[in-house]
Amino acid sequence: MAESLIPVSPGFEEPLEMLEACHERLHAQLETLDRLARWLPEHGPDEQAQRAATNIMRYFDLAAVNHHMDEERDLFPVLLERVGADRRVVLSSLIDWILEDHQRMFAAWDEMRAKLEPISRGENVPLTLEEVQAFSERYVLHIEREEGELFPYARELLQPGDITQLSSSMTCRRRHPAD
């Protein structure tokens, strides 16, 4: 089972582009998850399936968590600070939806991880296409809202100093993951 090639990511000096690249990597992981669900009925949890499950778990356990923290701790507060009163309610509503969806995504990830972990150890656990599709649809909708609604605000409102601060925070978060 071949895994998707993951595109090269922009550097931390381009935090919005970095967040978008994370979305691209997330799509690649969702494609791998789909292939895994299609692979398992015929091949079982062989070495390739185990490796795919391990890589998906690593991504969602580390990179996805960092991505959410980048948004919640760094991006959202500065956007709310910068937006004018005339658009604050709309932006606040969008951010509230994203924050609530992050919680739904974490809950969905916990359920999916409970299936992937035994597969990563070579245990034969059913993983249906329906489960994978429902999981993927949640993430795809989330990405569409962020890229279509949130990122335009960010491109408009962020000032050079904000970009520098986001970049610094994102870099620090990845160098000191326990913080």
C-alpha atoms as a PDB file:
ATOM      1  CA  MET A   1       0.000   0.000   0.000  1.00  0.00           C
ATOM      2  CA  ALA A   2       1.673   3.208  -1.152  1.00  0.00           C
ATOM      3  CA  GLU A   3       1.310   6.360   0.903  1.00  0.00           C
ATOM      4  CA  SER A   4       0.779   9.827  -0.595  1.00  0.00           C
ATOM      5  CA  LEU A   5       3.734  12.080  -1.131  1.00  0.00           C
ATOM      6  CA  ILE A   6       3.470  14.948   1.300  1.00  0.00           C
ATOM      7  CA  PRO A   7       4.191  18.358  -0.208  1.00  0.00           C
ATOM      8  CA  VAL A   8       7.106  20.391   1.064  1.00  0.00           C
ATOM      9  CA  SER A   9       5.938  22.861   3.663  1.00  0.00           C
ATOM     10  CA  PRO A  10       6.613  26.586   3.705  1.00  0.00           C
ATOM     11  CA  GLY A  11       8.777  27.864   6.520  1.00  0.00           C
ATOM     12  CA  PHE A  12       7.526  29.226   9.809  1.00  0.00           C
ATOM     13  CA  GLU A  13       8.232  32.753   8.561  1.00  0.00           C
ATOM     14  CA  GLU A  14       5.032  32.309   6.516  1.00  0.00           C
ATOM     15  CA  PRO A  15       2.553  31.218   9.204  1.00  0.00           C
ATOM     16  CA  LEU A  16      -0.620  31.398   7.111  1.00  0.00           C
ATOM     17  CA  GLU A  17       0.986  29.438   4.314  1.00  0.00           C
ATOM     18  CA  MET A  18       2.201  26.984   6.961  1.00  0.00           C
ATOM     19  CA  LEU A  19      -1.363  26.513   8.228  1.00  0.00           C
ATOM     20  CA  GLU A  20      -2.571  25.922   4.664  1.00  0.00           C
ATOM     21  CA  ALA A  21       0.240  23.419   4.071  1.00  0.00           C
ATOM     22  CA  CYS A  22      -0.898  21.609   7.199  1.00  0.00           C
ATOM     23  CA  HIS A  23      -4.325  21.310   5.583  1.00  0.00           C
ATOM     24  CA  GLU A  24      -2.687  19.762   2.509  1.00  0.00           C
ATOM     25  CA  ARG A  25      -0.867  17.254   4.712  1.00  0.00           C
ATOM     26  CA  LEU A  26      -4.116  16.523   6.497  1.00  0.00           C
ATOM     27  CA  HIS A  27      -5.771  15.730   3.162  1.00  0.00           C
ATOM     28  CA  ALA A  28      -2.876  13.363   2.405  1.00  0.00           C
ATOM     29  CA  GLN A  29      -3.412  11.606   5.759  1.00  0.00           C
ATOM     30  CA  LEU A  30      -7.137  11.284   5.073  1.00  0.00           C
ATOM     31  CA  GLU A  31      -6.314   9.720   1.693  1.00  0.00           C
ATOM     32  CA  THR A  32      -3.979   7.277   3.429  1.00  0.00           C
ATOM     33  CA  LEU A  33      -6.714   6.449   5.928  1.00  0.00           C
ATOM     34  CA  ASP A  34      -9.123   5.763   3.046  1.00  0.00           C
ATOM     35  CA  ARG A  35      -6.572   3.493   1.342  1.00  0.00           C
ATOM     36  CA  LEU A  36      -5.994   1.701   4.646  1.00  0.00           C
ATOM     37  CA  ALA A  37      -9.723   0.970   5.019  1.00  0.00           C
ATOM     38  CA  ARG A  38      -9.764  -0.401   1.457  1.00  0.00           C
ATOM     39  CA  TRP A  39      -6.540  -2.398   2.007  1.00  0.00           C
ATOM     40  CA  LEU A  40      -7.432  -4.170   5.240  1.00  0.00           C
ATOM     41  CA  PRO A  41     -10.214  -6.505   4.022  1.00  0.00           C
ATOM     42  CA  GLU A  42      -7.919  -8.183   1.500  1.00  0.00           C
ATOM     43  CA  HIS A  43      -4.492  -7.874   3.150  1.00  0.00           C
ATOM     44  CA  GLY A  44      -5.219  -7.554   6.853  1.00  0.00           C
ATOM     45  CA  PRO A  45      -2.962  -5.596   9.194  1.00  0.00           C
ATOM     46  CA  ASP A  46       0.252  -6.447   7.344  1.00  0.00           C
ATOM     47  CA  GLU A  47       3.448  -4.424   7.645  1.00  0.00           C
ATOM     48  CA  GLN A  48       2.263  -1.738   5.214  1.00  0.00           C
ATOM     49  CA  ALA A  49      -1.051  -1.351   7.040  1.00  0.00           C
ATOM     50  CA  GLN A  50       0.745  -1.155  10.386  1.00  0.00           C
ATOM     51  CA  ARG A  51       3.080   1.526   9.085  1.00  0.00           C
ATOM     52  CA  ALA A  52       0.185   3.517   7.596  1.00  0.00           C
ATOM     53  CA  ALA A  53      -1.768   3.348  10.871  1.00  0.00           C
ATOM     54  CA  THR A  54       1.329   4.431  12.824  1.00  0.00           C
ATOM     55  CA  ASN A  55       1.986   7.371  10.496  1.00  0.00           C
ATOM     56  CA  ILE A  56      -1.629   8.540  10.628  1.00  0.00           C
ATOM     57  CA  MET A  57      -1.577   8.392  14.430  1.00  0.00           C
ATOM     58  CA  ARG A  58       1.700  10.316  14.573  1.00  0.00           C
ATOM     59  CA  TYR A  59       0.279  13.046  12.370  1.00  0.00           C
ATOM     60  CA  PHE A  60      -2.971  13.478  14.269  1.00  0.00           C
ATOM     61  CA  ASP A  61      -1.319  13.159  17.682  1.00  0.00           C
ATOM     62  CA  LEU A  62       1.349  15.787  16.986  1.00  0.00           C
ATOM     63  CA  ALA A  63       0.931  17.951  13.899  1.00  0.00           C
ATOM     64  CA  ALA A  64      -2.847  18.308  14.105  1.00  0.00           C
ATOM     65  CA  VAL A  65      -2.659  19.270  17.788  1.00  0.00           C
ATOM     66  CA  ASN A  66       0.015  21.890  17.060  1.00  0.00           C
ATOM     67  CA  HIS A  67      -2.125  23.246  14.222  1.00  0.00           C
ATOM     68  CA  HIS A  68      -5.114  23.704  16.520  1.00  0.00           C
ATOM     69  CA  MET A  69      -2.941  25.375  19.151  1.00  0.00           C
ATOM     70  CA  ASP A  70      -1.498  27.719  16.506  1.00  0.00           C
ATOM     71  CA  GLU A  71      -5.014  28.846  15.758  1.00  0.00           C
ATOM     72  CA  GLU A  72      -6.506  28.879  19.245  1.00  0.00           C
ATOM     73  CA  ARG A  73      -3.623  30.419  21.198  1.00  0.00           C
ATOM     74  CA  ASP A  74      -2.103  32.685  18.587  1.00  0.00           C
ATOM     75  CA  LEU A  75      -4.196  33.395  15.488  1.00  0.00           C
ATOM     76  CA  PHE A  76      -7.703  33.808  16.929  1.00  0.00           C
ATOM     77  CA  PRO A  77      -6.808  36.318  19.668  1.00  0.00           C
ATOM     78  CA  VAL A  78      -4.950  38.630  17.292  1.00  0.00           C
ATOM     79  CA  LEU A  79      -7.740  38.467  14.708  1.00  0.00           C
ATOM     80  CA  LEU A  80     -10.319  39.383  17.345  1.00  0.00           C
ATOM     81  CA  GLU A  81      -8.083  42.238  18.465  1.00  0.00           C
ATOM     82  CA  ARG A  82      -7.647  43.568  14.926  1.00  0.00           C
ATOM     83  CA  VAL A  83     -11.175  43.200  13.500  1.00  0.00           C
ATOM     84  CA  GLY A  84     -13.406  46.254  13.435  1.00  0.00           C
ATOM     85  CA  ALA A  85     -16.558  46.414  15.530  1.00  0.00           C
ATOM     86  CA  ASP A  86     -18.695  46.158  12.377  1.00  0.00           C
ATOM     87  CA  ARG A  87     -17.398  42.611  11.663  1.00  0.00           C
ATOM     88  CA  ARG A  88     -16.552  41.408  15.154  1.00  0.00           C
ATOM     89  CA  VAL A  89     -19.803  39.453  15.627  1.00  0.00           C
ATOM     90  CA  VAL A  90     -19.362  37.550  12.360  1.00  0.00           C
ATOM     91  CA  LEU A  91     -15.719  36.715  13.081  1.00  0.00           C
ATOM     92  CA  SER A  92     -16.483  35.779  16.693  1.00  0.00           C
ATOM     93  CA  SER A  93     -19.254  33.455  15.527  1.00  0.00           C
ATOM     94  CA  LEU A  94     -16.919  31.789  13.034  1.00  0.00           C
ATOM     95  CA  ILE A  95     -14.198  31.360  15.653  1.00  0.00           C
ATOM     96  CA  ASP A  96     -16.738  29.930  18.118  1.00  0.00           C
ATOM     97  CA  TRP A  97     -17.789  27.387  15.475  1.00  0.00           C
ATOM     98  CA  ILE A  98     -14.159  26.462  14.792  1.00  0.00           C
ATOM     99  CA  LEU A  99     -13.418  26.043  18.506  1.00  0.00           C
ATOM    100  CA  GLU A 100     -16.485  23.849  18.988  1.00  0.00           C
ATOM    101  CA  ASP A 101     -15.569  21.863  15.891  1.00  0.00           C
ATOM    102  CA  HIS A 102     -12.045  21.347  17.228  1.00  0.00           C
ATOM    103  CA  GLN A 103     -13.659  19.592  20.199  1.00  0.00           C
ATOM    104  CA  ARG A 104     -15.809  17.440  17.904  1.00  0.00           C
ATOM    105  CA  MET A 105     -12.712  16.661  15.838  1.00  0.00           C
ATOM    106  CA  PHE A 106     -10.763  15.602  18.940  1.00  0.00           C
ATOM    107  CA  ALA A 107     -13.630  13.298  19.952  1.00  0.00           C
ATOM    108  CA  ALA A 108     -13.777  11.809  16.435  1.00  0.00           C
ATOM    109  CA  TRP A 109      -9.997  11.373  16.495  1.00  0.00           C
ATOM    110  CA  ASP A 110     -10.162   9.514  19.817  1.00  0.00           C
ATOM    111  CA  GLU A 111     -12.596   7.036  18.270  1.00  0.00           C
ATOM    112  CA  MET A 112     -10.531   6.629  15.091  1.00  0.00           C
ATOM    113  CA  ARG A 113      -7.307   6.280  17.058  1.00  0.00           C
ATOM    114  CA  ALA A 114      -8.887   3.471  19.092  1.00  0.00           C
ATOM    115  CA  LYS A 115      -9.241   1.564  15.807  1.00  0.00           C
ATOM    116  CA  LEU A 116      -5.826   2.467  14.387  1.00  0.00           C
ATOM    117  CA  GLU A 117      -3.755   1.655  17.446  1.00  0.00           C
ATOM    118  CA  PRO A 118      -4.456  -2.105  17.373  1.00  0.00           C
ATOM    119  CA  ILE A 119      -3.957  -2.121  13.575  1.00  0.00           C
ATOM    120  CA  SER A 120      -0.545  -0.502  14.115  1.00  0.00           C
ATOM    121  CA  ARG A 121       0.321  -3.518  16.310  1.00  0.00           C
ATOM    122  CA  GLY A 122      -0.857  -6.021  13.700  1.00  0.00           C
ATOM    123  CA  GLU A 123      -4.237  -6.765  15.257  1.00  0.00           C
ATOM    124  CA  ASN A 124      -7.135  -7.354  12.907  1.00  0.00           C
ATOM    125  CA  VAL A 125      -9.686  -4.648  13.721  1.00  0.00           C
ATOM    126  CA  PRO A 126     -12.500  -3.695  11.338  1.00  0.00           C
ATOM    127  CA  LEU A 127     -12.178  -0.245   9.834  1.00  0.00           C
ATOM    128  CA  THR A 128     -15.103   0.508   7.552  1.00  0.00           C
ATOM    129  CA  LEU A 129     -15.172   2.918   4.655  1.00  0.00           C
ATOM    130  CA  GLU A 130     -18.259   4.497   6.206  1.00  0.00           C
ATOM    131  CA  GLU A 131     -16.340   5.291   9.413  1.00  0.00           C
ATOM    132  CA  VAL A 132     -13.434   6.702   7.459  1.00  0.00           C
ATOM    133  CA  GLN A 133     -15.690   8.773   5.210  1.00  0.00           C
ATOM    134  CA  ALA A 134     -17.593  10.257   8.163  1.00  0.00           C
ATOM    135  CA  PHE A 135     -14.302  11.079   9.892  1.00  0.00           C
ATOM    136  CA  SER A 136     -12.866  12.618   6.714  1.00  0.00           C
ATOM    137  CA  GLU A 137     -15.982  14.660   5.943  1.00  0.00           C
ATOM    138  CA  ARG A 138     -15.736  16.390   9.337  1.00  0.00           C
ATOM    139  CA  TYR A 139     -12.142  17.462   8.605  1.00  0.00           C
ATOM    140  CA  VAL A 140     -12.843  18.481   5.006  1.00  0.00           C
ATOM    141  CA  LEU A 141     -15.748  20.718   6.064  1.00  0.00           C
ATOM    142  CA  HIS A 142     -13.572  22.257   8.765  1.00  0.00           C
ATOM    143  CA  ILE A 143     -10.760  22.985   6.333  1.00  0.00           C
ATOM    144  CA  GLU A 144     -13.163  24.504   3.816  1.00  0.00           C
ATOM    145  CA  ARG A 145     -14.521  26.915   6.434  1.00  0.00           C
ATOM    146  CA  GLU A 146     -11.064  27.897   7.647  1.00  0.00           C
ATOM    147  CA  GLU A 147      -9.664  28.467   4.173  1.00  0.00           C
ATOM    148  CA  GLY A 148     -12.812  30.044   2.755  1.00  0.00           C
ATOM    149  CA  GLU A 149     -13.847  32.201   5.716  1.00  0.00           C
ATOM    150  CA  LEU A 150     -11.127  32.523   8.372  1.00  0.00           C
ATOM    151  CA  PHE A 151      -7.966  32.871   6.303  1.00  0.00           C
ATOM    152  CA  PRO A 152      -9.325  35.816   4.286  1.00  0.00           C
ATOM    153  CA  TYR A 153      -9.769  37.676   7.589  1.00  0.00           C
ATOM    154  CA  ALA A 154      -6.208  36.765   8.546  1.00  0.00           C
ATOM    155  CA  ARG A 155      -4.757  37.966   5.243  1.00  0.00           C
ATOM    156  CA  GLU A 156      -6.587  41.252   5.594  1.00  0.00           C
ATOM    157  CA  LEU A 157      -6.102  41.947   9.306  1.00  0.00           C
ATOM    158  CA  LEU A 158      -2.668  40.628  10.247  1.00  0.00           C
ATOM    159  CA  GLN A 159       0.069  43.205  10.384  1.00  0.00           C
ATOM    160  CA  PRO A 160       3.800  42.489   9.861  1.00  0.00           C
ATOM    161  CA  GLY A 161       4.410  42.341  13.627  1.00  0.00           C
ATOM    162  CA  ASP A 162       1.549  39.849  14.000  1.00  0.00           C
ATOM    163  CA  ILE A 163       3.093  37.628  11.321  1.00  0.00           C
ATOM    164  CA  THR A 164       6.435  37.766  13.144  1.00  0.00           C
ATOM    165  CA  GLN A 165       4.791  36.857  16.456  1.00  0.00           C
ATOM    166  CA  LEU A 166       2.796  33.989  14.907  1.00  0.00           C
ATOM    167  CA  SER A 167       5.957  32.694  13.301  1.00  0.00           C
ATOM    168  CA  SER A 168       7.842  32.840  16.586  1.00  0.00           C
ATOM    169  CA  SER A 169       5.061  31.097  18.511  1.00  0.00           C
ATOM    170  CA  MET A 170       4.704  28.338  15.920  1.00  0.00           C
ATOM    171  CA  THR A 171       8.454  27.728  15.923  1.00  0.00           C
ATOM    172  CA  CYS A 172       8.646  27.675  19.707  1.00  0.00           C
ATOM    173  CA  ARG A 173       5.672  25.304  19.990  1.00  0.00           C
ATOM    174  CA  ARG A 174       7.390  22.759  17.781  1.00  0.00           C
ATOM    175  CA  ARG A 175      10.743  23.081  19.531  1.00  0.00           C
ATOM    176  CA  HIS A 176       9.176  22.728  22.982  1.00  0.00           C
ATOM    177  CA  PRO A 177       6.175  20.406  22.483  1.00  0.00           C
ATOM    178  CA  ALA A 178       5.519  19.940  26.209  1.00  0.00           C
ATOM    179  CA  ASP A 179       4.756  23.659  26.685  1.00  0.00           C
END
